[in-house]
């Protein structure tokens, strides 16, 4: 981590090169060419008189996690406007139909002093709220100068990040002390943020439990249900390198004894298709090629974006990837809200607190290796109706609602 004055100097010096950087991003389809001025701190939307809250969420997951918060604040007539900034085009597209007129989406300006001044002069927020691990030194410094309170919500800090920040303890404490308060996902993060210099930290729980997926009503789901109504479906979701081979091996073994088995794999990165070049004996069908599921299809590659909830809805049994290989796991909350028992490996450190809660609510089952996963899948598919019998989604909803209430209490304390 750079000392702040070095960071400020560098972010000032790079300003002449940002036009070129943005042009490259436009050519790659990563920027909206009609809205690039927002990246320089300029907005065409007028600020209303009264209270304005500014939220910043890096991308899709962080944005969706705060929608329940935004919904509550949207109904408060004392708040005139809510600004939500993100850094990706994908998040902007997904949020487009989820925000009310009172909530304005903007792209976050680069953390360059002159752009920050434009942004803050225009919006003049009553409160700034950063989601999860977004730390922008120039923004935080300028907010402190203007006596605008800044909060972190759903804060998450790993031991690795804590050690990295601690290497420059003086600079880190100077930066983190500018943050007024921090609501964290877990007690470890609360401890780390406090050690780094945030005086008011509170473990409020994980806001991702509060985001409830929309009811799935789609023609694609109806079509797939029609094609698979006689099949027993094993879904491997968000898989990483090494896990697809495991799932293929399990499918080859299970198809000998499990009647009407269909395995669906949704890889975490849909561009990784080479691992399916050898799927002999599995009757592979690939969704992006519009290949149909038929009686000889035992393996279906769902290599499309934005359809994971459809496949969660179809599945009898769900394995969530990134967990049988040393990656750290993927978010299991969406599957849980759709009433699914979740099987996973031991490498879940990225979501350890989430899995702890889901385990207490009997949503999850850890497996140690390929052989054990095969055993559980075979056992579960022998009696699919019994798999999800202990799951109580109302308890999950209460976990999310309680977290929203705690975070709102902190927000109103500083608004």
Protein backbone atom coordinates (compact mmCIF):
# COMPACT_ATOMS: atom_id res chain seq x y z
CA UNK A 1 0.00 0.00 0.00
CA UNK A 2 1.33 3.44 -0.95
CA UNK A 3 1.58 6.28 1.57
CA UNK A 4 -1.32 8.65 0.90
CA UNK A 5 0.69 11.57 -0.48
CA UNK A 6 2.41 9.26 -2.99
CA UNK A 7 -0.98 7.87 -3.99
CA UNK A 8 -2.41 11.37 -4.43
CA UNK A 9 0.56 12.41 -6.58
CA UNK A 10 0.24 9.35 -8.81
CA UNK A 11 -3.53 9.77 -9.28
CA UNK A 12 -2.94 13.40 -10.25
CA UNK A 13 -0.15 12.55 -12.71
CA UNK A 14 -2.15 9.83 -14.52
CA UNK A 15 -4.93 12.25 -15.42
CA UNK A 16 -3.60 12.95 -18.99
CA UNK A 17 -3.68 9.20 -19.77
CA UNK A 18 -7.26 8.53 -18.65
CA UNK A 19 -8.80 9.56 -22.00
CA UNK A 20 -6.79 6.85 -23.73
CA UNK A 21 -7.69 4.30 -21.04
CA UNK A 22 -11.40 5.07 -21.40
CA UNK A 23 -11.18 4.81 -25.20
CA UNK A 24 -9.72 1.30 -24.85
CA UNK A 25 -12.54 0.35 -22.47
CA UNK A 26 -15.15 1.70 -24.92
CA UNK A 27 -13.63 -0.37 -27.75
CA UNK A 28 -13.76 -3.45 -25.49
CA UNK A 29 -17.42 -2.77 -24.64
CA UNK A 30 -16.66 -2.03 -20.99
CA UNK A 31 -17.90 1.59 -20.98
CA UNK A 32 -21.11 3.30 -22.10
CA UNK A 33 -19.88 5.85 -24.65
CA UNK A 34 -22.94 8.04 -23.96
CA UNK A 35 -22.13 8.25 -20.24
CA UNK A 36 -18.33 8.49 -20.11
CA UNK A 37 -18.52 12.04 -18.70
CA UNK A 38 -19.67 10.47 -15.42
CA UNK A 39 -16.22 8.88 -15.11
CA UNK A 40 -14.83 12.43 -14.98
CA UNK A 41 -17.22 13.44 -12.18
CA UNK A 42 -19.78 15.23 -14.40
CA UNK A 43 -23.53 14.53 -14.32
CA UNK A 44 -26.42 15.65 -16.50
CA UNK A 45 -28.92 14.93 -13.72
CA UNK A 46 -29.90 17.79 -11.43
CA UNK A 47 -29.40 17.47 -7.69
CA UNK A 48 -32.60 18.00 -5.71
CA UNK A 49 -32.75 20.21 -2.66
CA UNK A 50 -32.66 18.42 0.67
CA UNK A 51 -30.96 15.22 1.82
CA UNK A 52 -28.99 13.15 -0.66
CA UNK A 53 -27.37 9.83 0.26
CA UNK A 54 -24.58 8.46 -1.90
CA UNK A 55 -23.94 4.70 -2.05
CA UNK A 56 -21.00 3.18 -3.89
CA UNK A 57 -20.93 -0.52 -4.79
CA UNK A 58 -18.13 -1.92 -6.95
CA UNK A 59 -20.12 -4.33 -9.10
CA UNK A 60 -23.14 -6.65 -9.39
CA UNK A 61 -22.94 -8.64 -6.15
CA UNK A 62 -22.38 -5.59 -3.96
CA UNK A 63 -25.14 -3.65 -5.76
CA UNK A 64 -27.73 -6.39 -5.36
CA UNK A 65 -26.86 -6.86 -1.68
CA UNK A 66 -27.91 -3.28 -0.82
CA UNK A 67 -31.19 -3.23 -2.79
CA UNK A 68 -33.23 -4.09 0.35
CA UNK A 69 -31.53 -1.13 2.11
CA UNK A 70 -32.28 1.18 -0.82
CA UNK A 71 -35.90 0.06 -0.86
CA UNK A 72 -36.33 1.05 2.81
CA UNK A 73 -34.59 4.39 2.35
CA UNK A 74 -36.56 5.07 -0.83
CA UNK A 75 -39.80 5.10 1.18
CA UNK A 76 -38.42 7.74 3.59
CA UNK A 77 -39.84 11.09 2.44
CA UNK A 78 -37.17 13.02 4.36
CA UNK A 79 -34.58 11.70 1.88
CA UNK A 80 -34.86 13.53 -1.44
CA UNK A 81 -32.43 11.59 -3.60
CA UNK A 82 -30.25 8.49 -3.47
CA UNK A 83 -27.19 8.21 -5.71
CA UNK A 84 -25.86 4.73 -6.46
CA UNK A 85 -22.49 4.53 -8.19
CA UNK A 86 -20.90 1.40 -9.63
CA UNK A 87 -17.83 0.76 -11.74
CA UNK A 88 -19.03 -1.74 -14.36
CA UNK A 89 -21.31 -1.64 -17.37
CA UNK A 90 -22.78 -5.02 -16.43
CA UNK A 91 -23.93 -3.75 -13.04
CA UNK A 92 -25.52 -0.69 -14.67
CA UNK A 93 -27.49 -2.89 -17.08
CA UNK A 94 -28.72 -5.22 -14.34
CA UNK A 95 -29.72 -2.33 -12.05
CA UNK A 96 -31.61 -0.47 -14.80
CA UNK A 97 -34.98 -2.10 -14.05
CA UNK A 98 -34.48 -2.43 -10.29
CA UNK A 99 -34.23 1.23 -9.23
CA UNK A 100 -37.00 3.75 -8.55
CA UNK A 101 -36.98 7.32 -9.93
CA UNK A 102 -35.65 8.55 -6.62
CA UNK A 103 -32.53 6.38 -6.96
CA UNK A 104 -30.07 7.66 -9.58
CA UNK A 105 -27.40 5.40 -11.02
CA UNK A 106 -24.07 6.98 -11.97
CA UNK A 107 -20.69 5.53 -12.91
CA UNK A 108 -18.08 6.15 -10.23
CA UNK A 109 -15.51 8.79 -11.23
CA UNK A 110 -11.89 7.74 -11.18
CA UNK A 111 -10.21 8.49 -7.85
CA UNK A 112 -8.54 11.59 -9.28
CA UNK A 113 -8.74 14.79 -7.16
CA UNK A 114 -10.22 17.07 -9.86
CA UNK A 115 -12.91 14.49 -10.81
CA UNK A 116 -13.79 13.96 -7.16
CA UNK A 117 -14.27 17.70 -6.62
CA UNK A 118 -16.66 17.88 -9.58
CA UNK A 119 -18.67 14.89 -8.34
CA UNK A 120 -18.93 16.06 -4.73
CA UNK A 121 -19.59 19.70 -5.70
CA UNK A 122 -22.49 18.55 -7.86
CA UNK A 123 -24.13 16.01 -5.56
CA UNK A 124 -23.04 17.41 -2.16
CA UNK A 125 -24.12 14.23 -0.33
CA UNK A 126 -25.39 14.31 3.24
CA UNK A 127 -23.84 10.87 3.80
CA UNK A 128 -21.47 8.60 1.82
CA UNK A 129 -21.83 4.82 2.09
CA UNK A 130 -19.25 2.41 0.65
CA UNK A 131 -20.20 -1.27 0.21
CA UNK A 132 -17.93 -4.14 1.31
CA UNK A 133 -14.23 -3.47 0.67
CA UNK A 134 -14.25 -0.33 -1.47
CA UNK A 135 -11.54 2.03 -0.17
CA UNK A 136 -10.84 5.13 -2.27
CA UNK A 137 -8.24 7.31 -0.49
CA UNK A 138 -8.88 10.57 -2.37
CA UNK A 139 -12.64 10.27 -1.94
CA UNK A 140 -12.36 9.52 1.78
CA UNK A 141 -9.93 12.40 2.33
CA UNK A 142 -12.14 14.90 0.51
CA UNK A 143 -15.28 13.73 2.34
CA UNK A 144 -13.49 14.23 5.66
CA UNK A 145 -12.47 17.76 4.62
CA UNK A 146 -16.11 18.55 3.83
CA UNK A 147 -17.32 17.09 7.16
CA UNK A 148 -19.42 14.47 5.34
CA UNK A 149 -19.74 11.24 7.32
CA UNK A 150 -18.56 8.12 5.47
CA UNK A 151 -19.68 4.59 6.32
CA UNK A 152 -18.72 1.12 5.18
CA UNK A 153 -21.63 -1.35 5.08
CA UNK A 154 -21.34 -5.11 4.66
CA UNK A 155 -17.65 -4.60 5.34
CA UNK A 156 -15.45 -7.61 4.75
CA UNK A 157 -11.72 -7.88 5.37
CA UNK A 158 -9.65 -11.04 5.17
CA UNK A 159 -6.55 -11.73 7.22
CA UNK A 160 -4.53 -11.40 4.01
CA UNK A 161 -5.90 -7.88 3.34
CA UNK A 162 -5.42 -6.91 6.99
CA UNK A 163 -1.75 -7.90 6.90
CA UNK A 164 -1.25 -5.97 3.66
CA UNK A 165 -2.81 -2.79 5.09
CA UNK A 166 -0.86 -3.25 8.33
CA UNK A 167 2.48 -3.12 6.51
CA UNK A 168 2.06 0.67 6.39
CA UNK A 169 0.39 1.09 9.75
CA UNK A 170 0.81 4.87 9.96
CA UNK A 171 -0.65 5.55 6.51
CA UNK A 172 -3.37 2.94 6.97
CA UNK A 173 -4.51 4.34 10.31
CA UNK A 174 -4.52 7.84 8.89
CA UNK A 175 -6.76 6.65 6.03
CA UNK A 176 -9.13 4.38 7.96
CA UNK A 177 -9.58 6.92 10.74
CA UNK A 178 -11.33 9.11 8.15
CA UNK A 179 -14.16 6.55 7.99
CA UNK A 180 -16.89 7.40 10.47
CA UNK A 181 -18.28 3.90 11.11
CA UNK A 182 -18.23 0.39 9.69
CA UNK A 183 -20.94 -2.31 9.63
CA UNK A 184 -19.26 -5.66 9.02
CA UNK A 185 -20.32 -9.08 7.79
CA UNK A 186 -18.57 -10.91 10.62
CA UNK A 187 -16.72 -10.42 13.89
CA UNK A 188 -13.25 -10.98 12.36
CA UNK A 189 -13.78 -8.10 9.92
CA UNK A 190 -15.00 -5.86 12.76
CA UNK A 191 -11.80 -6.61 14.68
CA UNK A 192 -9.56 -5.92 11.65
CA UNK A 193 -11.25 -2.63 10.74
CA UNK A 194 -11.02 -1.45 14.35
CA UNK A 195 -7.30 -2.30 14.51
CA UNK A 196 -6.77 -0.32 11.29
CA UNK A 197 -8.29 2.81 12.78
CA UNK A 198 -12.10 2.86 12.43
CA UNK A 199 -13.35 3.78 15.91
CA UNK A 200 -16.96 2.66 15.50
CA UNK A 201 -17.25 -0.89 14.12
CA UNK A 202 -20.21 -3.22 14.55
CA UNK A 203 -20.86 -6.74 13.30
CA UNK A 204 -24.32 -6.37 11.74
CA UNK A 205 -24.27 -9.57 9.64
CA UNK A 206 -24.18 -10.18 5.91
CA UNK A 207 -26.51 -8.05 3.77
CA UNK A 208 -26.38 -10.66 1.02
CA UNK A 209 -28.86 -12.67 3.09
CA UNK A 210 -31.35 -9.81 2.62
CA UNK A 211 -31.43 -9.90 -1.18
CA UNK A 212 -34.24 -12.20 -2.24
CA UNK A 213 -34.09 -13.40 -5.87
CA UNK A 214 -37.03 -12.40 -8.07
CA UNK A 215 -39.64 -15.05 -8.74
CA UNK A 216 -38.59 -16.89 -11.88
CA UNK A 217 -41.29 -16.70 -14.54
CA UNK A 218 -39.69 -17.34 -17.90
CA UNK A 219 -40.39 -19.22 -21.08
CA UNK A 220 -36.92 -20.75 -20.89
CA UNK A 221 -37.66 -22.30 -17.50
CA UNK A 222 -40.96 -23.70 -18.82
CA UNK A 223 -39.20 -25.19 -21.86
CA UNK A 224 -36.48 -26.79 -19.76
CA UNK A 225 -39.01 -28.17 -17.29
CA UNK A 226 -40.89 -29.74 -20.18
CA UNK A 227 -37.69 -31.31 -21.55
CA UNK A 228 -36.46 -32.56 -18.16
CA UNK A 229 -39.67 -33.45 -16.30
CA UNK A 230 -38.76 -37.15 -16.14
CA UNK A 231 -35.11 -36.57 -15.22
CA UNK A 232 -33.31 -36.50 -11.88
CA UNK A 233 -31.15 -33.37 -12.08
CA UNK A 234 -27.76 -32.89 -10.48
CA UNK A 235 -26.51 -29.31 -10.87
CA UNK A 236 -22.85 -28.32 -10.49
CA UNK A 237 -22.90 -24.51 -10.30
CA UNK A 238 -20.04 -22.00 -10.61
CA UNK A 239 -17.42 -24.68 -11.21
CA UNK A 240 -13.70 -23.95 -11.53
CA UNK A 241 -10.81 -25.74 -13.30
CA UNK A 242 -10.48 -29.28 -11.99
CA UNK A 243 -14.05 -29.57 -10.78
CA UNK A 244 -15.59 -30.27 -14.20
CA UNK A 245 -13.50 -33.45 -14.51
CA UNK A 246 -14.74 -34.52 -11.09
CA UNK A 247 -18.37 -33.92 -12.10
CA UNK A 248 -17.89 -35.77 -15.40
CA UNK A 249 -16.41 -38.79 -13.57
CA UNK A 250 -19.26 -38.81 -11.07
CA UNK A 251 -21.82 -38.64 -13.88
CA UNK A 252 -20.17 -41.53 -15.76
CA UNK A 253 -20.37 -43.67 -12.61
CA UNK A 254 -23.90 -42.65 -11.57
CA UNK A 255 -25.53 -43.09 -14.98
CA UNK A 256 -24.98 -46.83 -14.60
CA UNK A 257 -27.35 -47.03 -11.63
CA UNK A 258 -29.38 -43.79 -11.41
CA UNK A 259 -32.23 -43.97 -13.85
CA UNK A 260 -32.91 -40.80 -15.87
CA UNK A 261 -29.91 -38.87 -14.51
CA UNK A 262 -29.13 -35.48 -16.03
CA UNK A 263 -26.08 -33.51 -14.87
CA UNK A 264 -25.98 -29.78 -15.61
CA UNK A 265 -22.72 -27.87 -15.31
CA UNK A 266 -22.71 -24.07 -15.12
CA UNK A 267 -19.03 -23.00 -15.17
CA UNK A 268 -18.05 -19.86 -13.30
CA UNK A 269 -16.43 -18.50 -16.47
CA UNK A 270 -18.46 -19.48 -19.52
CA UNK A 271 -15.53 -19.03 -21.93
CA UNK A 272 -13.82 -22.11 -20.50
CA UNK A 273 -15.15 -24.85 -22.79
CA UNK A 274 -12.05 -26.85 -23.71
CA UNK A 275 -12.58 -29.19 -20.75
CA UNK A 276 -15.62 -30.60 -22.57
CA UNK A 277 -13.71 -31.76 -25.66
CA UNK A 278 -13.75 -35.32 -24.25
CA UNK A 279 -17.16 -36.23 -22.86
CA UNK A 280 -17.51 -39.67 -24.39
CA UNK A 281 -20.45 -41.65 -23.13
CA UNK A 282 -22.24 -38.62 -21.68
CA UNK A 283 -24.14 -37.38 -24.75
CA UNK A 284 -22.97 -33.82 -24.14
CA UNK A 285 -25.32 -30.97 -25.18
CA UNK A 286 -24.17 -27.33 -25.12
CA UNK A 287 -26.65 -24.57 -24.41
CA UNK A 288 -24.83 -21.77 -26.25
CA UNK A 289 -25.01 -23.90 -29.42
CA UNK A 290 -28.76 -24.37 -28.87
CA UNK A 291 -28.30 -28.14 -28.65
CA UNK A 292 -31.38 -29.89 -27.26
CA UNK A 293 -31.61 -32.16 -24.27
CA UNK A 294 -32.73 -35.63 -25.37
CA UNK A 295 -32.89 -39.14 -23.90
CA UNK A 296 -29.19 -39.70 -24.63
CA UNK A 297 -28.09 -36.46 -22.91
CA UNK A 298 -26.49 -37.13 -19.54
CA UNK A 299 -24.40 -33.94 -19.42
CA UNK A 300 -25.64 -30.45 -20.27
CA UNK A 301 -23.22 -27.51 -20.40
CA UNK A 302 -25.09 -24.31 -19.51
CA UNK A 303 -22.47 -21.88 -20.81
CA UNK A 304 -24.66 -18.78 -20.81
CA UNK A 305 -24.75 -15.69 -18.60
CA UNK A 306 -27.56 -14.72 -16.22
CA UNK A 307 -29.46 -18.02 -16.17
CA UNK A 308 -28.08 -19.67 -13.05
CA UNK A 309 -31.31 -19.13 -11.09
CA UNK A 310 -33.21 -21.07 -13.79
CA UNK A 311 -30.95 -24.07 -13.29
CA UNK A 312 -31.17 -23.79 -9.50
CA UNK A 313 -34.95 -23.99 -9.92
CA UNK A 314 -34.68 -27.12 -12.06
CA UNK A 315 -32.22 -29.02 -9.89
CA UNK A 316 -32.95 -31.77 -7.42
CA UNK A 317 -29.49 -31.56 -5.91
CA UNK A 318 -26.95 -28.69 -6.04
CA UNK A 319 -23.18 -28.65 -5.73
CA UNK A 320 -21.54 -25.20 -5.61
CA UNK A 321 -18.06 -25.00 -7.04
CA UNK A 322 -14.83 -23.27 -6.21
CA UNK A 323 -14.89 -25.48 -3.13
CA UNK A 324 -13.35 -28.84 -4.14
CA UNK A 325 -10.34 -26.94 -5.51
CA UNK A 326 -8.33 -24.27 -3.62
CA UNK A 327 -10.33 -21.27 -4.81
CA UNK A 328 -12.37 -20.27 -1.75
CA UNK A 329 -15.92 -21.07 -2.84
CA UNK A 330 -18.76 -19.17 -4.50
CA UNK A 331 -21.84 -17.47 -3.03
CA UNK A 332 -24.50 -20.07 -2.04
CA UNK A 333 -27.24 -17.65 -0.96
CA UNK A 334 -29.24 -17.61 -4.22
CA UNK A 335 -29.50 -21.40 -4.23
CA UNK A 336 -30.58 -21.35 -0.58
CA UNK A 337 -33.36 -18.82 -1.27
CA UNK A 338 -34.65 -21.12 -3.99
CA UNK A 339 -35.04 -23.85 -1.37
CA UNK A 340 -32.11 -26.07 -2.32
CA UNK A 341 -29.86 -28.22 -0.15
CA UNK A 342 -26.28 -27.23 -1.01
CA UNK A 343 -23.31 -29.59 -1.22
CA UNK A 344 -19.81 -28.11 -1.21
CA UNK A 345 -16.16 -28.89 -0.62
CA UNK A 346 -14.00 -27.68 2.26
CA UNK A 347 -12.47 -24.67 0.44
CA UNK A 348 -15.10 -22.07 1.33
CA UNK A 349 -12.98 -19.40 3.03
CA UNK A 350 -14.38 -16.61 0.82
CA UNK A 351 -17.85 -17.23 2.27
CA UNK A 352 -17.10 -18.92 5.59
CA UNK A 353 -19.55 -16.80 7.60
CA UNK A 354 -22.30 -17.35 5.01
CA UNK A 355 -21.79 -21.11 5.11
CA UNK A 356 -21.74 -21.05 8.92
CA UNK A 357 -25.23 -19.51 8.96
CA UNK A 358 -26.57 -21.81 6.23
CA UNK A 359 -25.15 -24.84 8.03
CA UNK A 360 -26.94 -23.84 11.23
CA UNK A 361 -30.16 -23.58 9.21
CA UNK A 362 -29.53 -27.07 7.72
CA UNK A 363 -29.10 -25.81 4.16
CA UNK A 364 -25.62 -27.25 3.56
CA UNK A 365 -23.56 -30.44 3.57
CA UNK A 366 -19.78 -30.45 3.25
CA UNK A 367 -18.03 -33.19 1.26
CA UNK A 368 -14.34 -34.00 1.56
CA UNK A 369 -13.61 -35.41 -1.89
CA UNK A 370 -14.99 -36.72 -5.19
CA UNK A 371 -15.92 -40.11 -3.74
CA UNK A 372 -17.96 -38.57 -0.93
CA UNK A 373 -19.76 -36.17 -3.28
CA UNK A 374 -20.71 -39.11 -5.50
CA UNK A 375 -22.04 -40.98 -2.47
CA UNK A 376 -24.23 -38.04 -1.36
CA UNK A 377 -25.53 -37.38 -4.87
CA UNK A 378 -26.45 -41.04 -5.35
CA UNK A 379 -28.12 -41.18 -1.94
CA UNK A 380 -30.08 -37.97 -2.52
CA UNK A 381 -31.23 -38.83 -6.03
CA UNK A 382 -32.55 -42.17 -4.80
CA UNK A 383 -35.20 -40.13 -2.94
CA UNK A 384 -35.26 -36.58 -4.41
CA UNK A 385 -38.33 -35.44 -2.44
CA UNK A 386 -36.53 -35.88 0.88
CA UNK A 387 -33.51 -33.71 -0.02
CA UNK A 388 -34.95 -30.32 0.90
CA UNK A 389 -37.38 -31.36 3.63
CA UNK A 390 -35.50 -29.63 6.51
CA UNK A 391 -35.10 -26.30 4.72
CA UNK A 392 -36.96 -23.33 6.17
CA UNK A 393 -36.65 -20.25 3.96
CA UNK A 394 -38.49 -18.06 6.49
CA UNK A 395 -35.57 -18.44 8.89
CA UNK A 396 -33.24 -17.32 6.10
CA UNK A 397 -35.41 -14.29 5.37
CA UNK A 398 -35.37 -13.34 9.05
CA UNK A 399 -31.55 -13.41 9.02
CA UNK A 400 -31.57 -10.92 6.15
CA UNK A 401 -34.29 -8.69 7.60
CA UNK A 402 -32.47 -8.46 10.94
CA UNK A 403 -29.26 -7.39 9.17
CA UNK A 404 -31.07 -4.67 7.19
CA UNK A 405 -32.59 -3.29 10.41
CA UNK A 406 -29.20 -3.15 12.14
CA UNK A 407 -27.50 -1.41 9.21
CA UNK A 408 -30.35 1.11 8.83
CA UNK A 409 -30.01 1.98 12.50
CA UNK A 410 -26.34 2.91 11.92
CA UNK A 411 -27.14 4.88 8.74
CA UNK A 412 -29.78 6.98 10.48
CA UNK A 413 -27.37 7.63 13.34
CA UNK A 414 -25.16 9.64 10.97
CA UNK A 415 -27.68 10.97 8.45
